[in-house]
C-alpha atoms as a PDB file:
ATOM      1  CA  MET A   1     136.562 109.614 101.897  1.00  0.00           C
ATOM      2  CA  ALA A   2     133.139 108.842 103.411  1.00  0.00           C
ATOM      3  CA  PRO A   3     130.595 111.622 103.867  1.00  0.00           C
ATOM      4  CA  PRO A   4     130.243 112.922 107.428  1.00  0.00           C
ATOM      5  CA  HIS A   5     127.865 110.924 109.634  1.00  0.00           C
ATOM      6  CA  ARG A   6     124.695 112.926 110.266  1.00  0.00           C
ATOM      7  CA  GLY A   7     123.319 110.956 113.208  1.00  0.00           C
ATOM      8  CA  SER A   8     121.794 107.561 113.448  1.00  0.00           C
ATOM      9  CA  ARG A   9     118.463 106.535 111.992  1.00  0.00           C
ATOM     10  CA  PRO A  10     115.589 106.128 114.429  1.00  0.00           C
ATOM     11  CA  ARG A  11     115.244 102.592 115.727  1.00  0.00           C
ATOM     12  CA  HIS A  12     112.643 100.477 113.913  1.00  0.00           C
ATOM     13  CA  ILE A  13     109.796  99.350 116.196  1.00  0.00           C
ATOM     14  CA  PRO A  14     107.964  96.258 114.897  1.00  0.00           C
ATOM     15  CA  GLN A  15     104.190  96.712 114.630  1.00  0.00           C
ATOM     16  CA  ARG A  16     101.600  93.962 115.112  1.00  0.00           C
ATOM     17  CA  THR A  17      97.792  93.855 114.883  1.00  0.00           C
ATOM     18  CA  CYS A  18      95.471  92.563 117.601  1.00  0.00           C
ATOM     19  CA  VAL A  19      93.364  89.753 116.116  1.00  0.00           C
ATOM     20  CA  ALA A  20      90.322  90.837 118.164  1.00  0.00           C
ATOM     21  CA  CYS A  21      90.075  94.626 117.779  1.00  0.00           C
ATOM     22  CA  ARG A  22      92.339  94.989 114.701  1.00  0.00           C
ATOM     23  CA  GLN A  23      94.287  97.874 116.306  1.00  0.00           C
ATOM     24  CA  THR A  24      97.979  98.126 115.411  1.00  0.00           C
ATOM     25  CA  ASP A  25     100.511  98.658 118.181  1.00  0.00           C
ATOM     26  CA  ALA A  26     104.147  98.001 119.014  1.00  0.00           C
ATOM     27  CA  LYS A  27     104.923  94.282 119.181  1.00  0.00           C
ATOM     28  CA  ARG A  28     106.045  94.562 122.819  1.00  0.00           C
ATOM     29  CA  GLN A  29     102.725  96.144 123.869  1.00  0.00           C
ATOM     30  CA  LEU A  30     100.695  93.130 122.705  1.00  0.00           C
ATOM     31  CA  VAL A  31     100.530  89.592 124.108  1.00  0.00           C
ATOM     32  CA  ARG A  32     101.639  86.822 121.728  1.00  0.00           C
ATOM     33  CA  ILE A  33      99.843  83.491 121.753  1.00  0.00           C
ATOM     34  CA  VAL A  34     101.559  80.711 119.847  1.00  0.00           C
ATOM     35  CA  ARG A  35     100.444  77.363 118.460  1.00  0.00           C
ATOM     36  CA  ALA A  36     103.470  75.109 118.753  1.00  0.00           C
ATOM     37  CA  PRO A  37     104.251  72.419 116.170  1.00  0.00           C
ATOM     38  CA  ASP A  38     102.876  69.802 118.628  1.00  0.00           C
ATOM     39  CA  GLY A  39      99.470  71.577 118.612  1.00  0.00           C
ATOM     40  CA  SER A  40      99.641  73.126 122.085  1.00  0.00           C
ATOM     41  CA  VAL A  41      98.613  76.766 122.512  1.00  0.00           C
ATOM     42  CA  THR A  42     100.550  78.883 125.006  1.00  0.00           C
ATOM     43  CA  ILE A  43     101.345  82.476 125.886  1.00  0.00           C
ATOM     44  CA  ASP A  44     104.728  83.540 124.552  1.00  0.00           C
ATOM     45  CA  PRO A  45     106.077  86.404 126.698  1.00  0.00           C
ATOM     46  CA  SER A  46     109.418  86.492 124.862  1.00  0.00           C
ATOM     47  CA  GLY A  47     107.801  86.611 121.410  1.00  0.00           C
ATOM     48  CA  LYS A  48     110.371  84.159 120.079  1.00  0.00           C
ATOM     49  CA  HIS A  49     108.866  80.665 120.398  1.00  0.00           C
ATOM     50  CA  SER A  50     108.535  78.759 117.168  1.00  0.00           C
ATOM     51  CA  GLY A  51     105.065  78.184 115.801  1.00  0.00           C
ATOM     52  CA  ARG A  52     102.151  80.149 114.435  1.00  0.00           C
ATOM     53  CA  GLY A  53     101.540  83.286 116.480  1.00  0.00           C
ATOM     54  CA  ALA A  54      98.659  85.667 117.049  1.00  0.00           C
ATOM     55  CA  TYR A  55      98.585  88.869 119.050  1.00  0.00           C
ATOM     56  CA  LEU A  56      96.002  90.244 121.488  1.00  0.00           C
ATOM     57  CA  CYS A  57      95.873  93.565 123.329  1.00  0.00           C
ATOM     58  CA  ALA A  58      96.300  93.322 127.075  1.00  0.00           C
ATOM     59  CA  THR A  59      92.645  94.262 127.644  1.00  0.00           C
ATOM     60  CA  THR A  60      89.798  92.156 128.967  1.00  0.00           C
ATOM     61  CA  GLU A  61      87.599  92.997 125.963  1.00  0.00           C
ATOM     62  CA  CYS A  62      90.116  91.695 123.429  1.00  0.00           C
ATOM     63  CA  TRP A  63      90.738  88.517 125.421  1.00  0.00           C
ATOM     64  CA  GLN A  64      87.018  87.836 125.712  1.00  0.00           C
ATOM     65  CA  ALA A  65      86.616  88.330 121.967  1.00  0.00           C
ATOM     66  CA  GLY A  66      89.633  86.144 121.275  1.00  0.00           C
ATOM     67  CA  LEU A  67      88.534  83.283 123.499  1.00  0.00           C
ATOM     68  CA  GLU A  68      84.731  83.406 123.325  1.00  0.00           C
ATOM     69  CA  ARG A  69      84.015  84.519 119.761  1.00  0.00           C
ATOM     70  CA  GLY A  70      86.507  82.115 118.201  1.00  0.00           C
ATOM     71  CA  VAL A  71      88.826  84.785 116.844  1.00  0.00           C
ATOM     72  CA  LEU A  72      91.944  83.212 118.339  1.00  0.00           C
ATOM     73  CA  PRO A  73      91.508  79.670 116.949  1.00  0.00           C
ATOM     74  CA  ARG A  74      90.865  81.152 113.494  1.00  0.00           C
ATOM     75  CA  ALA A  75      94.034  83.247 113.696  1.00  0.00           C
ATOM     76  CA  LEU A  76      96.047  80.215 114.827  1.00  0.00           C
ATOM     77  CA  LYS A  77      94.460  78.095 112.064  1.00  0.00           C
ATOM     78  CA  ILE A  78      93.081  75.394 114.355  1.00  0.00           C
ATOM     79  CA  GLU A  79      89.583  74.031 114.959  1.00  0.00           C
ATOM     80  CA  SER A  80      89.613  74.734 118.698  1.00  0.00           C
ATOM     81  CA  ILE A  81      92.063  75.391 121.508  1.00  0.00           C
ATOM     82  CA  PRO A  82      92.873  72.252 123.566  1.00  0.00           C
ATOM     83  CA  GLU A  83      90.992  72.267 126.905  1.00  0.00           C
ATOM     84  CA  ASP A  84      94.055  72.347 129.189  1.00  0.00           C
ATOM     85  CA  ASN A  85      95.571  75.200 127.159  1.00  0.00           C
ATOM     86  CA  LEU A  86      92.236  77.047 127.207  1.00  0.00           C
ATOM     87  CA  ASP A  87      92.249  76.924 131.027  1.00  0.00           C
ATOM     88  CA  THR A  88      95.671  78.587 131.073  1.00  0.00           C
ATOM     89  CA  LEU A  89      94.544  81.308 128.660  1.00  0.00           C
ATOM     90  CA  ASN A  90      91.356  81.956 130.657  1.00  0.00           C
ATOM     91  CA  GLU A  91      93.414  82.237 133.846  1.00  0.00           C
ATOM     92  CA  TYR A  92      95.651  84.823 132.150  1.00  0.00           C
ATOM     93  CA  ALA A  93      92.536  86.758 131.033  1.00  0.00           C
ATOM     94  CA  ARG A  94      91.224  86.743 134.623  1.00  0.00           C
ATOM     95  CA  HIS A  95      94.583  88.017 135.821  1.00  0.00           C
ATOM     96  CA  LEU A  96      94.336  90.881 133.310  1.00  0.00           C
ATOM     97  CA  ALA A  97      90.835  91.749 134.532  1.00  0.00           C
ATOM     98  CA  GLN A  98      92.028  91.951 138.136  1.00  0.00           C
ATOM     99  CA  GLY A  99      94.940  94.190 137.174  1.00  0.00           C
ATOM    100  CA  GLN A 100      92.740  96.806 135.458  1.00  0.00           C
END
């Protein structure tokens, strides 16, 4: 006979590190940026797209560091972010700044 069940274990919450500020937080609290196999760089709201991913906090400071200091391309292991993709990422960063 099996021992009595003493309650369920607490649910595991995946942790990720922001590539700009190096703070660890829950995966869902960070924004995932992914480099797809075709070389394009996009924001991945679902966190499930295939490709190399990097995470940034949803703060203006982290996005500025990621985009201007070259932290994001290094984390994605590319020379530079393609210009059209960079425009999309900058627009998202501006949207974050307006929301704060």
